[in-house]
Amino acid sequence: MNILKLILGTLLGLIVSFVFGCFVFRFLTSIDPLEDLNILNYGALSGRAISIGAIPNIGLFYLFLNKENYYSARGVILSFIIIGLFVLFG
């Protein structure tokens, strides 16, 4: 059961980062990032947009902490690590 909460927190963290990253990418470049998943083709700019898009994950993290879903909060932290690796190596 705890593993499912960890996976839920990780997936929610990645989805929130991707959605807000797409909004940031659209705002900065006025290119539609969801058309053929173009956001993954822009390298450094997509990494910056997704890392800025990870800022709302802080609110998601504190929401899970206040609801005492500690494993989901750990999943959000894991999503931060995954995003950091994407920015570093992507």
Protein backbone atom coordinates (compact mmCIF):
# COMPACT_ATOMS: atom_id res chain seq x y z
CA MET A 1 0.00 0.00 0.00
CA ASN A 2 2.84 2.39 0.82
CA ILE A 3 4.48 1.72 -2.55
CA LEU A 4 1.27 2.76 -4.32
CA LYS A 5 1.26 6.04 -2.37
CA LEU A 6 4.88 6.63 -3.35
CA ILE A 7 4.08 5.98 -7.01
CA LEU A 8 1.02 8.24 -6.79
CA GLY A 9 3.08 11.10 -5.37
CA THR A 10 5.76 10.62 -8.01
CA LEU A 11 3.30 10.56 -10.89
CA LEU A 12 1.39 13.58 -9.60
CA GLY A 13 4.64 15.49 -9.16
CA LEU A 14 5.76 14.68 -12.70
CA ILE A 15 2.37 15.54 -14.20
CA VAL A 16 2.18 18.87 -12.38
CA SER A 17 5.72 19.73 -13.48
CA PHE A 18 5.02 18.78 -17.09
CA VAL A 19 1.76 20.75 -17.27
CA PHE A 20 3.18 23.91 -15.71
CA GLY A 21 6.38 23.44 -17.72
CA CYS A 22 4.30 23.43 -20.90
CA PHE A 23 2.60 26.64 -19.80
CA VAL A 24 5.98 28.27 -19.14
CA PHE A 25 7.35 26.98 -22.46
CA ARG A 26 4.31 28.35 -24.30
CA PHE A 27 4.70 31.71 -22.54
CA LEU A 28 8.43 32.01 -23.32
CA THR A 29 8.47 30.82 -26.93
CA SER A 30 4.86 31.07 -28.19
CA ILE A 31 5.33 27.58 -29.69
CA ASP A 32 2.74 24.92 -28.86
CA PRO A 33 4.74 22.38 -26.83
CA LEU A 34 2.08 19.67 -26.94
CA GLU A 35 1.99 19.48 -30.72
CA ASP A 36 3.90 16.24 -31.46
CA LEU A 37 5.54 16.62 -28.01
CA ASN A 38 7.88 19.31 -29.33
CA ILE A 39 8.88 20.25 -25.79
CA LEU A 40 11.21 17.24 -25.67
CA ASN A 41 13.05 18.38 -28.83
CA TYR A 42 14.23 21.73 -27.47
CA GLY A 43 16.87 20.45 -25.05
CA ALA A 44 18.05 23.16 -22.69
CA LEU A 45 14.95 25.31 -23.02
CA SER A 46 12.62 22.42 -22.22
CA GLY A 47 14.74 21.52 -19.20
CA ARG A 48 14.48 25.07 -17.92
CA ALA A 49 10.73 25.20 -18.52
CA ILE A 50 10.09 21.90 -16.74
CA SER A 51 12.36 22.83 -13.83
CA ILE A 52 10.48 26.12 -13.41
CA GLY A 53 7.29 24.13 -13.78
CA ALA A 54 8.34 22.07 -10.75
CA ILE A 55 7.79 25.02 -8.42
CA PRO A 56 4.08 24.16 -7.85
CA ASN A 57 5.24 20.77 -6.57
CA ILE A 58 6.15 22.52 -3.34
CA GLY A 59 2.45 23.14 -2.74
CA LEU A 60 1.68 19.52 -3.60
CA PHE A 61 4.37 18.40 -1.16
CA TYR A 62 2.91 20.46 1.69
CA LEU A 63 -0.60 19.27 0.83
CA PHE A 64 0.52 15.67 1.26
CA LEU A 65 2.32 16.56 4.49
CA ASN A 66 -0.75 18.25 5.94
CA LYS A 67 -2.88 15.21 5.05
CA GLU A 68 -0.20 13.02 6.68
CA ASN A 69 0.43 11.10 3.46
CA TYR A 70 4.15 10.85 4.06
CA TYR A 71 4.81 8.29 1.34
CA SER A 72 3.09 10.48 -1.26
CA ALA A 73 5.21 13.41 -0.05
CA ARG A 74 8.29 11.23 -0.55
CA GLY A 75 7.04 10.52 -4.07
CA VAL A 76 6.94 14.25 -4.78
CA ILE A 77 10.54 14.48 -3.59
CA LEU A 78 11.39 11.58 -5.92
CA SER A 79 9.79 13.50 -8.78
CA PHE A 80 12.08 16.45 -7.95
CA ILE A 81 15.05 14.10 -8.25
CA ILE A 82 13.80 12.71 -11.58
CA ILE A 83 13.26 16.24 -12.93
CA GLY A 84 16.74 17.22 -11.76
CA LEU A 85 18.24 14.27 -13.61
CA PHE A 86 16.26 15.20 -16.73
CA VAL A 87 17.57 18.76 -16.57
CA LEU A 88 21.11 17.61 -15.88
CA PHE A 89 21.35 14.90 -18.54
CA GLY A 90 18.57 15.88 -20.96
